[in-house]
Amino acid sequence: MRQLISSGSPYEPKLGFSRAVRAGGIVCVSGTAAIGAESGTAAEQARCSIEIVAQALQEAGAQLADVVRTRIYLLRIEDWESVGQVHGEFFGAIRPATTVVQVSRFIDPAWLVEIEADAVIEQGEERPR
């Protein structure tokens, strides 16, 4: 089974990608920026990004508690603490494997952060979509 999840991002059809893809019990969520909230701080953008990730996971039958890995891409590494604090609000008890890196730029110059997530839905824990 392969399920494609769209968030309606204008970049999805342009680049030929999905916000998330579910294959069996694995859900991979693409790099997610704060589309619609680009004017905020890095922390505010991170919060919006994680909310979009959570919505994509839900559409795939998963939830944040199923996340086993996140990747945080920052335009300015100096934002790691404020973005990390937001990440911790959502994932503090879940504690997925996480990587934080600085990138030179994003497609949209207003973006300060992008977040990816991978989740595993354990057999027998299927959630309604």
C-alpha atoms as a PDB file:
ATOM      1  CA  MET A   1       0.000   0.000   0.000  1.00  0.00           C
ATOM      2  CA  ARG A   2       1.307   3.451  -0.923  1.00  0.00           C
ATOM      3  CA  GLN A   3      -0.601   6.560   0.118  1.00  0.00           C
ATOM      4  CA  LEU A   4       0.322  10.078  -1.001  1.00  0.00           C
ATOM      5  CA  ILE A   5      -0.601  13.002   1.269  1.00  0.00           C
ATOM      6  CA  SER A   6      -0.821  16.568  -0.057  1.00  0.00           C
ATOM      7  CA  SER A   7      -0.873  19.737   2.000  1.00  0.00           C
ATOM      8  CA  GLY A   8      -1.774  21.938  -0.952  1.00  0.00           C
ATOM      9  CA  SER A   9       1.686  23.520  -1.054  1.00  0.00           C
ATOM     10  CA  PRO A  10       2.298  25.240  -4.385  1.00  0.00           C
ATOM     11  CA  TYR A  11       5.691  23.522  -4.489  1.00  0.00           C
ATOM     12  CA  GLU A  12       4.275  19.983  -4.548  1.00  0.00           C
ATOM     13  CA  PRO A  13       3.189  19.950  -8.215  1.00  0.00           C
ATOM     14  CA  LYS A  14       6.133  22.113  -9.305  1.00  0.00           C
ATOM     15  CA  LEU A  15       8.705  19.747  -7.792  1.00  0.00           C
ATOM     16  CA  GLY A  16       6.725  16.530  -8.085  1.00  0.00           C
ATOM     17  CA  PHE A  17       6.634  15.552  -4.413  1.00  0.00           C
ATOM     18  CA  SER A  18       4.113  14.802  -1.696  1.00  0.00           C
ATOM     19  CA  ARG A  19       3.920  16.385   1.766  1.00  0.00           C
ATOM     20  CA  ALA A  20       4.030  12.828   3.079  1.00  0.00           C
ATOM     21  CA  VAL A  21       4.102   9.283   1.793  1.00  0.00           C
ATOM     22  CA  ARG A  22       2.871   6.248   3.665  1.00  0.00           C
ATOM     23  CA  ALA A  23       4.213   2.862   2.616  1.00  0.00           C
ATOM     24  CA  GLY A  24       2.926   0.099   4.870  1.00  0.00           C
ATOM     25  CA  GLY A  25       3.553   1.225   8.444  1.00  0.00           C
ATOM     26  CA  ILE A  26       6.148   3.862   7.526  1.00  0.00           C
ATOM     27  CA  VAL A  27       5.240   7.521   7.034  1.00  0.00           C
ATOM     28  CA  CYS A  28       7.829   9.988   5.702  1.00  0.00           C
ATOM     29  CA  VAL A  29       7.008  13.685   5.856  1.00  0.00           C
ATOM     30  CA  SER A  30       8.918  15.963   3.484  1.00  0.00           C
ATOM     31  CA  GLY A  31      10.791  19.064   4.538  1.00  0.00           C
ATOM     32  CA  THR A  32       8.008  21.281   5.842  1.00  0.00           C
ATOM     33  CA  ALA A  33       8.204  25.053   6.025  1.00  0.00           C
ATOM     34  CA  ALA A  34       5.735  27.454   7.597  1.00  0.00           C
ATOM     35  CA  ILE A  35       3.777  28.195   4.452  1.00  0.00           C
ATOM     36  CA  GLY A  36       1.375  30.966   5.377  1.00  0.00           C
ATOM     37  CA  ALA A  37       3.398  32.039   8.432  1.00  0.00           C
ATOM     38  CA  GLU A  38       6.646  33.125   6.772  1.00  0.00           C
ATOM     39  CA  SER A  39       6.769  36.457   8.598  1.00  0.00           C
ATOM     40  CA  GLY A  40       7.295  34.881  12.026  1.00  0.00           C
ATOM     41  CA  THR A  41      10.440  34.163  14.009  1.00  0.00           C
ATOM     42  CA  ALA A  42      12.271  30.882  13.531  1.00  0.00           C
ATOM     43  CA  ALA A  43      10.488  29.493  16.605  1.00  0.00           C
ATOM     44  CA  GLU A  44       7.079  30.592  15.300  1.00  0.00           C
ATOM     45  CA  GLN A  45       7.861  29.084  11.905  1.00  0.00           C
ATOM     46  CA  ALA A  46       8.986  25.848  13.591  1.00  0.00           C
ATOM     47  CA  ARG A  47       5.684  25.630  15.477  1.00  0.00           C
ATOM     48  CA  CYS A  48       3.725  26.101  12.254  1.00  0.00           C
ATOM     49  CA  SER A  49       5.925  23.540  10.470  1.00  0.00           C
ATOM     50  CA  ILE A  50       5.365  20.919  13.164  1.00  0.00           C
ATOM     51  CA  GLU A  51       1.617  21.569  13.095  1.00  0.00           C
ATOM     52  CA  ILE A  52       1.659  20.929   9.320  1.00  0.00           C
ATOM     53  CA  VAL A  53       3.729  17.765   9.923  1.00  0.00           C
ATOM     54  CA  ALA A  54       1.184  16.611  12.539  1.00  0.00           C
ATOM     55  CA  GLN A  55      -1.686  17.172  10.119  1.00  0.00           C
ATOM     56  CA  ALA A  56       0.086  15.162   7.384  1.00  0.00           C
ATOM     57  CA  LEU A  57       0.776  12.351   9.843  1.00  0.00           C
ATOM     58  CA  GLN A  58      -2.865  12.306  10.893  1.00  0.00           C
ATOM     59  CA  GLU A  59      -4.011  12.064   7.272  1.00  0.00           C
ATOM     60  CA  ALA A  60      -1.679   9.067   6.900  1.00  0.00           C
ATOM     61  CA  GLY A  61      -3.097   7.369  10.009  1.00  0.00           C
ATOM     62  CA  ALA A  62      -0.184   8.269  12.298  1.00  0.00           C
ATOM     63  CA  GLN A  63       0.435  10.814  15.038  1.00  0.00           C
ATOM     64  CA  LEU A  64       3.373  12.677  16.544  1.00  0.00           C
ATOM     65  CA  ALA A  65       3.871   9.860  19.074  1.00  0.00           C
ATOM     66  CA  ASP A  66       4.778   7.575  16.136  1.00  0.00           C
ATOM     67  CA  VAL A  67       7.670   9.797  15.008  1.00  0.00           C
ATOM     68  CA  VAL A  68      11.058   8.082  15.241  1.00  0.00           C
ATOM     69  CA  ARG A  69      13.219  10.687  13.462  1.00  0.00           C
ATOM     70  CA  THR A  70      13.134  14.419  12.746  1.00  0.00           C
ATOM     71  CA  ARG A  71      15.472  16.666  10.816  1.00  0.00           C
ATOM     72  CA  ILE A  72      15.628  20.393  11.464  1.00  0.00           C
ATOM     73  CA  TYR A  73      17.120  22.639   8.790  1.00  0.00           C
ATOM     74  CA  LEU A  74      17.937  26.179   9.912  1.00  0.00           C
ATOM     75  CA  LEU A  75      18.917  29.214   7.905  1.00  0.00           C
ATOM     76  CA  ARG A  76      20.750  30.566  10.976  1.00  0.00           C
ATOM     77  CA  ILE A  77      22.289  28.043  13.361  1.00  0.00           C
ATOM     78  CA  GLU A  78      21.900  30.669  16.093  1.00  0.00           C
ATOM     79  CA  ASP A  79      18.186  29.811  16.113  1.00  0.00           C
ATOM     80  CA  TRP A  80      18.835  26.240  17.284  1.00  0.00           C
ATOM     81  CA  GLU A  81      17.830  26.887  20.899  1.00  0.00           C
ATOM     82  CA  SER A  82      14.527  28.638  20.208  1.00  0.00           C
ATOM     83  CA  VAL A  83      13.588  26.122  17.515  1.00  0.00           C
ATOM     84  CA  GLY A  84      14.787  23.268  19.726  1.00  0.00           C
ATOM     85  CA  GLN A  85      12.542  24.494  22.523  1.00  0.00           C
ATOM     86  CA  VAL A  86       9.516  24.350  20.206  1.00  0.00           C
ATOM     87  CA  HIS A  87      10.593  20.907  18.992  1.00  0.00           C
ATOM     88  CA  GLY A  88      10.792  19.833  22.626  1.00  0.00           C
ATOM     89  CA  GLU A  89       7.249  21.055  23.321  1.00  0.00           C
ATOM     90  CA  PHE A  90       5.961  18.618  20.703  1.00  0.00           C
ATOM     91  CA  PHE A  91       8.518  15.808  21.011  1.00  0.00           C
ATOM     92  CA  GLY A  92       9.931  16.057  24.555  1.00  0.00           C
ATOM     93  CA  ALA A  93       8.284  12.846  25.741  1.00  0.00           C
ATOM     94  CA  ILE A  94       8.642  11.102  22.364  1.00  0.00           C
ATOM     95  CA  ARG A  95      12.353  11.879  21.934  1.00  0.00           C
ATOM     96  CA  PRO A  96      12.869  10.898  18.290  1.00  0.00           C
ATOM     97  CA  ALA A  97      16.339  10.733  16.786  1.00  0.00           C
ATOM     98  CA  THR A  98      16.988  14.285  15.578  1.00  0.00           C
ATOM     99  CA  THR A  99      19.491  16.159  13.451  1.00  0.00           C
ATOM    100  CA  VAL A 100      19.907  19.947  13.371  1.00  0.00           C
ATOM    101  CA  VAL A 101      21.868  21.513  10.518  1.00  0.00           C
ATOM    102  CA  GLN A 102      22.347  24.925   8.992  1.00  0.00           C
ATOM    103  CA  VAL A 103      21.637  25.376   5.300  1.00  0.00           C
ATOM    104  CA  SER A 104      22.698  28.190   3.012  1.00  0.00           C
ATOM    105  CA  ARG A 105      19.145  29.027   1.875  1.00  0.00           C
ATOM    106  CA  PHE A 106      15.643  27.783   1.173  1.00  0.00           C
ATOM    107  CA  ILE A 107      13.423  28.065  -1.910  1.00  0.00           C
ATOM    108  CA  ASP A 108      11.534  30.932  -0.278  1.00  0.00           C
ATOM    109  CA  PRO A 109      13.884  33.561   1.199  1.00  0.00           C
ATOM    110  CA  ALA A 110      11.395  34.244   4.027  1.00  0.00           C
ATOM    111  CA  TRP A 111      11.754  30.717   5.411  1.00  0.00           C
ATOM    112  CA  LEU A 112      13.999  30.330   8.445  1.00  0.00           C
ATOM    113  CA  VAL A 113      13.372  26.639   9.172  1.00  0.00           C
ATOM    114  CA  GLU A 114      12.192  23.410   7.555  1.00  0.00           C
ATOM    115  CA  ILE A 115      11.375  20.241   9.463  1.00  0.00           C
ATOM    116  CA  GLU A 116      11.139  16.628   8.243  1.00  0.00           C
ATOM    117  CA  ALA A 117       9.734  13.661  10.148  1.00  0.00           C
ATOM    118  CA  ASP A 118       9.629   9.893   9.773  1.00  0.00           C
ATOM    119  CA  ALA A 119       7.096   7.811  11.677  1.00  0.00           C
ATOM    120  CA  VAL A 120       6.478   4.116  12.181  1.00  0.00           C
ATOM    121  CA  ILE A 121       2.993   2.828  12.879  1.00  0.00           C
ATOM    122  CA  GLU A 122       3.321  -0.370  14.843  1.00  0.00           C
ATOM    123  CA  GLN A 123       1.265  -3.306  13.615  1.00  0.00           C
ATOM    124  CA  GLY A 124      -2.083  -3.360  15.357  1.00  0.00           C
ATOM    125  CA  GLU A 125      -1.961   0.389  16.118  1.00  0.00           C
ATOM    126  CA  GLU A 126      -3.777   1.495  12.985  1.00  0.00           C
ATOM    127  CA  ARG A 127      -5.554   4.786  13.556  1.00  0.00           C
ATOM    128  CA  PRO A 128      -8.572   6.063  11.664  1.00  0.00           C
ATOM    129  CA  ARG A 129      -7.830   8.495   8.860  1.00  0.00           C
END
